[in-house]
Amino acid sequence: MTAYQPYTIEGENRPSQIVIICDHAANTVPDFVNGGDLGISKTDMARHIAYDVGALGVSQRLAKHLDAPLIHSNFSRLVIDPNRGEDDPTLVMQLYDGTIIPANRNITEEATELRMERCYRPYHSALETLLSQRENPIILSIHTFTKQLNGYGSRPWQVGVLYAEDERMAKPLIKLLEAQPDLCVGDNQPYSGNLKGDTMEYHALQRGRIHALIEIRNDLIEVEAAQYEWADRLAPIFAEAIRITQKEET
């Protein structure tokens, strides 16, 4: 039996400074977490509450275009969310977009710590190792969002760029995306990128690394062909944003 691995690295030896991250790539529940079942339906496990629909396919194609390594999670965000700080109250979600998560409702500190040790910390350790292997690494974090949350209005953006106080790459990237006549672009939408303890805060902001987090609306990339089309379209835009950013840095 193959031991569970909480992350996968693809193209580790690709030469680019760029590192592609996909925090919410999978809806997998490891066997050591409640026997591999969080107590919700297969329909809910296929929704955005369990993972970022379409994000992995986009990330894989982008990584090939940019000749960059990709690291992605192999566990559901409902097991434990790698894009949260260790002390974040939403690290293990008990209720998400109208769905109660039975296996998380009365989770103990011991059970949370097990998920931290088997999933969360190995993922972040591997990510930091991958980044540290490159001089001045540049981070592109790929996420997706749902068109509408229960009880809220429809989200019009097709793609958004999230950032906190470091706008070096976010701003030129937003400008390039806004130049596309058919795109509605979110500037720190559909929500703010200023989340303490998240992946970008820990691996990029604290270390001064150039980065941006990209959100794509998931109804646009539900199938592989659409994922490839978006990756093909975004790759040269990302490359140009990085070129502009690096030029301004020198």
Protein backbone atom coordinates (compact mmCIF):
# COMPACT_ATOMS: atom_id res chain seq x y z
CA MET A 1 0.00 0.00 0.00
CA THR A 2 1.31 3.43 -0.97
CA ALA A 3 1.65 5.84 1.96
CA TYR A 4 -0.57 8.89 1.83
CA GLN A 5 1.16 11.96 0.42
CA PRO A 6 -0.54 15.30 1.23
CA TYR A 7 0.99 17.16 -1.71
CA THR A 8 2.29 16.60 -5.22
CA ILE A 9 5.11 18.47 -6.96
CA GLU A 10 5.11 18.42 -10.75
CA GLY A 11 8.10 19.58 -12.78
CA GLU A 12 10.31 20.17 -9.76
CA ASN A 13 13.38 20.58 -11.97
CA ARG A 14 11.86 23.05 -14.40
CA PRO A 15 14.18 26.07 -14.53
CA SER A 16 11.78 28.99 -14.10
CA GLN A 17 11.86 31.35 -11.12
CA ILE A 18 8.08 31.05 -11.13
CA VAL A 19 6.42 28.60 -8.77
CA ILE A 20 2.76 27.73 -9.32
CA ILE A 21 0.74 26.95 -6.18
CA CYS A 22 -2.68 25.30 -6.04
CA ASP A 23 -3.79 25.22 -2.40
CA HIS A 24 -7.25 23.78 -2.99
CA ALA A 25 -6.54 21.30 -5.78
CA ALA A 26 -8.29 18.20 -4.41
CA ASN A 27 -11.44 17.05 -2.65
CA THR A 28 -9.69 14.01 -1.14
CA VAL A 29 -10.44 12.92 2.43
CA PRO A 30 -7.61 10.69 3.71
CA ASP A 31 -8.58 7.45 5.43
CA PHE A 32 -7.20 8.66 8.78
CA VAL A 33 -9.81 11.45 8.79
CA ASN A 34 -13.08 9.90 9.95
CA GLY A 35 -12.49 6.84 7.79
CA GLY A 36 -12.23 8.97 4.65
CA ASP A 37 -15.74 10.44 4.98
CA LEU A 38 -16.69 13.86 6.34
CA GLY A 39 -20.37 12.96 6.49
CA ILE A 40 -21.56 15.08 3.58
CA SER A 41 -22.93 14.00 0.21
CA LYS A 42 -20.96 13.29 -2.95
CA THR A 43 -22.73 16.30 -4.47
CA ASP A 44 -21.38 18.57 -1.74
CA MET A 45 -17.90 17.03 -2.03
CA ALA A 46 -17.97 17.99 -5.73
CA ARG A 47 -18.80 21.62 -4.92
CA HIS A 48 -16.54 24.59 -4.28
CA ILE A 49 -16.85 24.04 -0.55
CA ALA A 50 -14.59 20.98 -0.80
CA TYR A 51 -12.02 22.23 -3.34
CA ASP A 52 -11.40 24.81 -6.06
CA VAL A 53 -13.20 23.37 -9.07
CA GLY A 54 -11.02 23.50 -12.19
CA ALA A 55 -8.00 25.02 -10.46
CA LEU A 56 -5.70 22.03 -10.79
CA GLY A 57 -6.17 21.66 -14.55
CA VAL A 58 -5.46 25.36 -15.08
CA SER A 59 -2.41 25.18 -12.81
CA GLN A 60 -0.95 22.14 -14.58
CA ARG A 61 -1.30 23.71 -18.01
CA LEU A 62 0.07 27.05 -16.82
CA ALA A 63 3.07 25.37 -15.24
CA LYS A 64 3.93 23.75 -18.56
CA HIS A 65 3.53 27.03 -20.47
CA LEU A 66 5.76 28.88 -18.01
CA ASP A 67 8.22 25.99 -17.61
CA ALA A 68 7.59 26.25 -13.88
CA PRO A 69 7.15 23.75 -11.08
CA LEU A 70 3.72 23.22 -9.57
CA ILE A 71 2.90 22.17 -6.03
CA HIS A 72 -0.65 21.27 -5.12
CA SER A 73 -2.49 19.82 -2.15
CA ASN A 74 -3.92 16.30 -2.06
CA PHE A 75 -6.54 16.92 0.64
CA SER A 76 -9.86 18.73 0.75
CA ARG A 77 -10.06 22.19 2.22
CA LEU A 78 -12.78 20.72 4.47
CA VAL A 79 -10.20 18.40 6.03
CA ILE A 80 -8.03 21.39 6.87
CA ASP A 81 -7.55 24.56 4.87
CA PRO A 82 -3.93 25.12 3.81
CA ASN A 83 -4.76 28.71 2.88
CA ARG A 84 -5.36 29.69 6.51
CA GLY A 85 -3.10 30.44 9.44
CA GLU A 86 -2.72 27.81 12.14
CA ASP A 87 -4.75 29.93 14.56
CA ASP A 88 -7.49 30.90 12.08
CA PRO A 89 -10.98 29.94 13.34
CA THR A 90 -11.90 28.78 9.81
CA LEU A 91 -8.93 26.39 9.58
CA VAL A 92 -11.38 23.48 9.96
CA MET A 93 -14.77 24.55 8.66
CA GLN A 94 -17.87 23.32 10.47
CA LEU A 95 -20.37 25.11 8.21
CA TYR A 96 -19.67 26.26 4.67
CA ASP A 97 -22.07 27.88 2.21
CA GLY A 98 -25.11 26.30 3.84
CA THR A 99 -23.64 22.82 4.36
CA ILE A 100 -22.89 21.48 7.85
CA ILE A 101 -19.76 19.31 7.97
CA PRO A 102 -20.64 16.56 10.50
CA ALA A 103 -17.09 15.23 10.93
CA ASN A 104 -15.91 18.74 11.86
CA ARG A 105 -18.71 19.88 14.16
CA ASN A 106 -17.22 18.64 17.43
CA ILE A 107 -13.62 18.16 16.32
CA THR A 108 -11.15 17.80 19.15
CA GLU A 109 -7.78 19.51 19.48
CA GLU A 110 -6.15 16.11 19.02
CA ALA A 111 -8.00 15.46 15.77
CA THR A 112 -7.12 18.90 14.46
CA GLU A 113 -3.48 18.37 15.37
CA LEU A 114 -3.48 15.06 13.47
CA ARG A 115 -4.70 16.83 10.34
CA MET A 116 -2.07 19.52 10.86
CA GLU A 117 0.73 16.97 11.16
CA ARG A 118 -0.39 14.72 8.31
CA CYS A 119 -1.66 17.32 5.81
CA TYR A 120 -1.15 21.02 6.56
CA ARG A 121 2.44 21.21 7.82
CA PRO A 122 3.98 18.78 5.27
CA TYR A 123 2.35 20.76 2.46
CA HIS A 124 3.74 24.08 3.68
CA SER A 125 7.15 22.60 4.43
CA ALA A 126 7.39 21.19 0.90
CA LEU A 127 6.24 24.49 -0.57
CA GLU A 128 8.88 26.46 1.32
CA THR A 129 11.57 23.98 0.28
CA LEU A 130 10.53 24.33 -3.36
CA LEU A 131 10.62 28.12 -3.14
CA SER A 132 13.97 28.19 -1.36
CA GLN A 133 15.56 26.18 -4.18
CA ARG A 134 15.14 29.22 -6.46
CA GLU A 135 16.80 32.59 -6.28
CA ASN A 136 14.16 35.32 -5.98
CA PRO A 137 11.19 33.01 -6.63
CA ILE A 138 7.98 34.45 -8.05
CA ILE A 139 4.72 32.96 -6.80
CA LEU A 140 1.51 32.51 -8.78
CA SER A 141 -1.26 31.06 -6.62
CA ILE A 142 -4.24 29.72 -8.57
CA HIS A 143 -7.71 29.56 -7.04
CA THR A 144 -11.29 29.48 -8.27
CA PHE A 145 -14.53 30.90 -6.88
CA THR A 146 -18.19 30.11 -7.25
CA LYS A 147 -20.49 32.39 -9.22
CA GLN A 148 -22.89 32.79 -6.31
CA LEU A 149 -22.84 31.91 -2.62
CA ASN A 150 -26.12 30.97 -0.92
CA GLY A 151 -27.94 34.11 0.15
CA TYR A 152 -25.69 36.49 -1.78
CA GLY A 153 -25.79 38.22 -5.15
CA SER A 154 -24.22 36.95 -8.33
CA ARG A 155 -20.51 37.66 -8.77
CA PRO A 156 -19.88 39.31 -12.16
CA TRP A 157 -16.10 38.89 -12.33
CA GLN A 158 -14.61 36.22 -14.54
CA VAL A 159 -11.18 36.60 -13.00
CA GLY A 160 -9.84 38.42 -9.96
CA VAL A 161 -6.43 39.31 -8.59
CA LEU A 162 -6.01 39.31 -4.82
CA TYR A 163 -3.23 41.04 -2.89
CA ALA A 164 -2.41 42.72 0.40
CA GLU A 165 0.13 45.51 0.86
CA ASP A 166 2.56 44.21 -1.79
CA GLU A 167 1.08 45.31 -5.11
CA ARG A 168 4.21 44.92 -7.25
CA MET A 169 2.83 42.23 -9.51
CA ALA A 170 -0.87 42.53 -8.74
CA LYS A 171 -1.29 45.99 -10.18
CA PRO A 172 0.39 45.42 -13.59
CA LEU A 173 -1.42 42.09 -13.82
CA ILE A 174 -4.79 43.73 -13.20
CA LYS A 175 -4.01 46.39 -15.80
CA LEU A 176 -3.13 43.74 -18.40
CA LEU A 177 -6.27 41.75 -17.66
CA GLU A 178 -8.45 44.87 -17.82
CA ALA A 179 -7.05 45.52 -21.30
CA GLN A 180 -8.85 42.38 -22.45
CA PRO A 181 -12.15 43.70 -23.84
CA ASP A 182 -14.26 40.69 -22.86
CA LEU A 183 -13.12 40.33 -19.25
CA CYS A 184 -14.71 41.64 -16.07
CA VAL A 185 -11.75 41.80 -13.70
CA GLY A 186 -11.90 41.86 -9.92
CA ASP A 187 -9.43 44.16 -8.16
CA ASN A 188 -9.22 42.37 -4.79
CA GLN A 189 -12.53 40.75 -5.67
CA PRO A 190 -14.50 38.58 -5.01
CA TYR A 191 -12.84 39.17 -1.62
CA SER A 192 -9.77 40.82 -0.20
CA GLY A 193 -6.37 39.15 -0.39
CA ASN A 194 -5.46 40.54 3.03
CA LEU A 195 -5.85 37.39 5.10
CA LYS A 196 -3.42 37.02 7.99
CA GLY A 197 -1.56 33.73 8.09
CA ASP A 198 -2.64 32.56 4.64
CA THR A 199 -0.28 31.05 2.07
CA MET A 200 0.63 34.37 0.47
CA GLU A 201 1.15 36.12 3.81
CA TYR A 202 3.40 33.35 5.09
CA HIS A 203 5.42 32.39 2.00
CA ALA A 204 5.44 35.70 0.09
CA LEU A 205 4.73 38.79 2.17
CA GLN A 206 6.86 37.79 5.15
CA ARG A 207 9.78 37.07 2.83
CA GLY A 208 9.41 39.89 0.32
CA ARG A 209 8.72 37.58 -2.62
CA ILE A 210 6.96 38.82 -5.75
CA HIS A 211 3.55 37.18 -5.98
CA ALA A 212 -0.09 37.32 -6.95
CA LEU A 213 -3.14 35.22 -6.19
CA ILE A 214 -5.48 34.67 -9.13
CA GLU A 215 -9.13 33.70 -8.82
CA ILE A 216 -11.05 32.32 -11.82
CA ARG A 217 -14.84 31.83 -11.73
CA ASN A 218 -15.33 28.10 -11.62
CA ASP A 219 -18.36 27.83 -13.92
CA LEU A 220 -16.02 28.93 -16.73
CA ILE A 221 -13.56 26.06 -16.22
CA GLU A 222 -15.61 23.04 -15.23
CA VAL A 223 -14.26 20.89 -18.07
CA GLU A 224 -10.67 20.19 -19.11
CA ALA A 225 -10.94 21.95 -22.48
CA ALA A 226 -12.02 25.18 -20.78
CA GLN A 227 -9.25 24.87 -18.21
CA TYR A 228 -6.70 24.59 -21.01
CA GLU A 229 -8.21 27.55 -22.88
CA TRP A 230 -7.95 29.78 -19.81
CA ALA A 231 -4.41 28.65 -19.07
CA ASP A 232 -3.40 29.26 -22.70
CA ARG A 233 -4.88 32.73 -22.51
CA LEU A 234 -3.47 33.67 -19.12
CA ALA A 235 0.07 32.36 -19.55
CA PRO A 236 1.35 35.18 -21.80
CA ILE A 237 -0.43 37.75 -19.62
CA PHE A 238 1.29 36.41 -16.52
CA ALA A 239 4.64 36.34 -18.32
CA GLU A 240 4.24 39.98 -19.33
CA ALA A 241 3.17 41.04 -15.81
CA ILE A 242 6.26 39.33 -14.42
CA ARG A 243 8.47 41.03 -17.01
CA ILE A 244 7.04 44.44 -16.10
CA THR A 245 7.43 43.75 -12.38
CA GLN A 246 11.03 42.61 -12.70
CA LYS A 247 11.89 45.62 -14.89
CA GLU A 248 10.52 48.00 -12.26
CA GLU A 249 12.53 46.18 -9.59
CA THR A 250 15.85 46.88 -11.34
